Amino acid sequence: MSDRFNLDSAKWTLVKHIAVGTVVGLGLGILLARRSLKSQLRAAQAFTRGEQLIAWVFDSGRTEALQKISETGSPSRARKTVTYLQFIGGGPIFGAFTGFVSGYAFADWTLRKDMASRSRIASAMYRCQATVMIKEAENLVQAINDQS
């Protein structure tokens, strides 16, 4: 196998892991959002079924009426929207990151199998970096000479 094939294989391995991680993260985000909203709704229903306070009575005899908890306890439309956006937005990000880590590890393992290929790829990378640094140094020297 050629070095180019090994690099392409490692690249596509990384891309596949990131894509699968993103899709799985999106699915988990939707699932967790639904579970979170259901638990919020169950908590609100359990709270409204119980005995509720209607007023505070202070030692001085003053009484303050309390707002009905049933009005504030159940998830509103805005709360549902924010919950879905947080989970659906965060799920793919977490999944893509996890896919990147696993894909990087697997691609690295794939490249490390053939030591001769690995050394050729590394030396080609060093030569490329050296060429880029030489060109940058030449550009700097030319810029300094143009200012003089």
Protein backbone atom coordinates (compact mmCIF):
# COMPACT_ATOMS: atom_id res chain seq x y z
CA MET A 1 0.00 0.00 0.00
CA SER A 2 1.18 3.49 -0.74
CA ASP A 3 1.65 6.26 1.79
CA ARG A 4 -1.01 8.33 0.07
CA PHE A 5 -3.51 5.49 0.46
CA ASN A 6 -2.64 5.17 4.16
CA LEU A 7 -3.17 8.90 4.70
CA ASP A 8 -6.46 8.88 2.79
CA SER A 9 -7.64 5.86 4.78
CA ALA A 10 -6.78 7.60 8.05
CA LYS A 11 -8.51 10.80 6.90
CA TRP A 12 -11.74 9.01 5.95
CA THR A 13 -11.66 7.03 9.19
CA LEU A 14 -11.58 10.31 11.10
CA VAL A 15 -14.36 11.81 8.97
CA LYS A 16 -16.59 8.74 9.45
CA HIS A 17 -16.10 8.75 13.22
CA ILE A 18 -16.97 12.45 13.43
CA ALA A 19 -20.10 11.99 11.26
CA VAL A 20 -21.34 9.01 13.26
CA GLY A 21 -20.59 10.82 16.52
CA THR A 22 -22.56 13.86 15.37
CA VAL A 23 -25.61 11.80 14.40
CA VAL A 24 -25.49 9.78 17.62
CA GLY A 25 -25.07 13.02 19.60
CA LEU A 26 -28.12 14.52 17.91
CA GLY A 27 -30.20 11.45 18.74
CA LEU A 28 -29.02 11.44 22.34
CA GLY A 29 -29.72 15.17 22.57
CA ILE A 30 -33.31 14.67 21.46
CA LEU A 31 -33.73 11.72 23.82
CA LEU A 32 -32.29 13.60 26.80
CA ALA A 33 -34.38 16.69 26.02
CA ARG A 34 -37.57 14.61 26.01
CA ARG A 35 -36.59 12.87 29.26
CA SER A 36 -35.74 16.18 30.90
CA LEU A 37 -39.05 17.74 29.92
CA LYS A 38 -40.99 14.67 31.06
CA SER A 39 -39.28 14.74 34.45
CA GLN A 40 -40.00 18.47 34.78
CA LEU A 41 -43.65 17.82 33.95
CA ARG A 42 -43.88 14.92 36.42
CA ALA A 43 -42.31 17.05 39.15
CA ALA A 44 -44.73 19.90 38.45
CA GLN A 45 -47.71 17.53 38.51
CA ALA A 46 -46.58 15.93 41.76
CA PHE A 47 -46.08 19.34 43.30
CA THR A 48 -49.50 20.62 42.28
CA ARG A 49 -51.25 17.47 43.54
CA GLY A 50 -49.85 17.95 47.03
CA GLU A 51 -51.01 20.33 49.73
CA GLN A 52 -50.17 23.91 48.81
CA LEU A 53 -49.49 26.98 50.86
CA ILE A 54 -51.80 29.85 50.07
CA ALA A 55 -50.41 32.49 52.44
CA TRP A 56 -47.59 33.31 54.84
CA VAL A 57 -48.63 34.37 58.33
CA PHE A 58 -45.95 36.36 60.15
CA ASP A 59 -45.49 36.70 63.93
CA SER A 60 -46.86 40.22 63.80
CA GLY A 61 -50.14 38.88 62.39
CA ARG A 62 -49.56 40.20 58.87
CA THR A 63 -50.62 37.82 56.10
CA GLU A 64 -49.07 37.71 52.62
CA ALA A 65 -50.85 35.82 49.85
CA LEU A 66 -48.70 33.53 47.72
CA GLN A 67 -48.88 33.06 43.98
CA LYS A 68 -50.38 29.77 42.88
CA ILE A 69 -47.57 27.35 42.28
CA SER A 70 -49.47 25.45 39.63
CA GLU A 71 -49.16 28.49 37.35
CA THR A 72 -45.36 28.58 37.57
CA GLY A 73 -44.49 24.90 38.01
CA SER A 74 -45.36 23.37 34.65
CA PRO A 75 -42.90 23.82 31.78
CA SER A 76 -43.83 26.75 29.56
CA ARG A 77 -43.42 26.87 25.80
CA ALA A 78 -40.27 29.01 26.14
CA ARG A 79 -38.77 26.60 28.68
CA LYS A 80 -39.46 23.66 26.37
CA THR A 81 -37.88 25.49 23.43
CA VAL A 82 -34.78 26.41 25.42
CA THR A 83 -34.44 22.84 26.74
CA TYR A 84 -34.67 21.38 23.24
CA LEU A 85 -32.21 23.93 21.84
CA GLN A 86 -29.69 23.26 24.59
CA PHE A 87 -29.80 19.50 24.26
CA ILE A 88 -30.11 19.40 20.48
CA GLY A 89 -27.33 21.99 20.14
CA GLY A 90 -25.03 20.37 22.66
CA GLY A 91 -25.56 16.75 21.64
CA PRO A 92 -23.95 16.98 18.19
CA ILE A 93 -21.06 19.03 19.55
CA PHE A 94 -20.37 16.44 22.23
CA GLY A 95 -20.85 13.61 19.71
CA ALA A 96 -18.53 15.21 17.15
CA PHE A 97 -15.85 15.73 19.80
CA THR A 98 -16.17 12.14 20.96
CA GLY A 99 -16.05 10.98 17.33
CA PHE A 100 -12.97 13.10 16.73
CA VAL A 101 -11.16 11.58 19.71
CA SER A 102 -12.06 8.00 18.77
CA GLY A 103 -11.39 8.61 15.06
CA TYR A 104 -8.03 10.20 15.79
CA ALA A 105 -7.03 7.28 17.98
CA PHE A 106 -8.12 4.72 15.37
CA ALA A 107 -6.47 6.63 12.49
CA ASP A 108 -3.27 6.97 14.51
CA TRP A 109 -3.34 3.24 15.22
CA THR A 110 -3.86 2.57 11.51
CA LEU A 111 -0.86 4.71 10.56
CA ARG A 112 1.37 3.22 13.26
CA LYS A 113 0.93 -0.33 11.97
CA ASP A 114 3.45 0.14 9.14
CA MET A 115 6.61 1.66 10.65
CA ALA A 116 8.36 2.20 7.28
CA SER A 117 5.39 4.12 5.92
CA ARG A 118 5.13 6.08 9.14
CA SER A 119 8.77 7.19 8.96
CA ARG A 120 8.39 8.21 5.29
CA ILE A 121 5.26 10.23 6.08
CA ALA A 122 6.98 11.91 9.05
CA SER A 123 10.08 12.83 7.02
CA ALA A 124 7.90 14.21 4.20
CA MET A 125 6.01 16.30 6.76
CA TYR A 126 9.27 17.67 8.22
CA ARG A 127 10.55 18.53 4.72
CA CYS A 128 7.30 20.34 3.96
CA GLN A 129 7.51 22.32 7.23
CA ALA A 130 11.14 23.18 6.50
CA THR A 131 10.23 24.42 3.01
CA VAL A 132 7.45 26.60 4.40
CA MET A 133 9.78 28.08 7.05
CA ILE A 134 12.45 28.82 4.44
CA LYS A 135 9.90 30.65 2.27
CA GLU A 136 8.66 32.64 5.28
CA ALA A 137 12.26 33.59 6.15
CA GLU A 138 12.89 34.71 2.56
CA ASN A 139 9.71 36.83 2.67
CA LEU A 140 10.84 38.42 5.95
CA VAL A 141 14.29 39.21 4.54
CA GLN A 142 12.72 40.72 1.43
CA ALA A 143 10.32 42.81 3.56
CA ILE A 144 13.23 44.10 5.65
CA ASN A 145 15.24 44.93 2.52
CA ASP A 146 12.24 46.75 0.99
CA GLN A 147 11.91 48.94 4.09
CA SER A 148 15.58 49.96 3.93
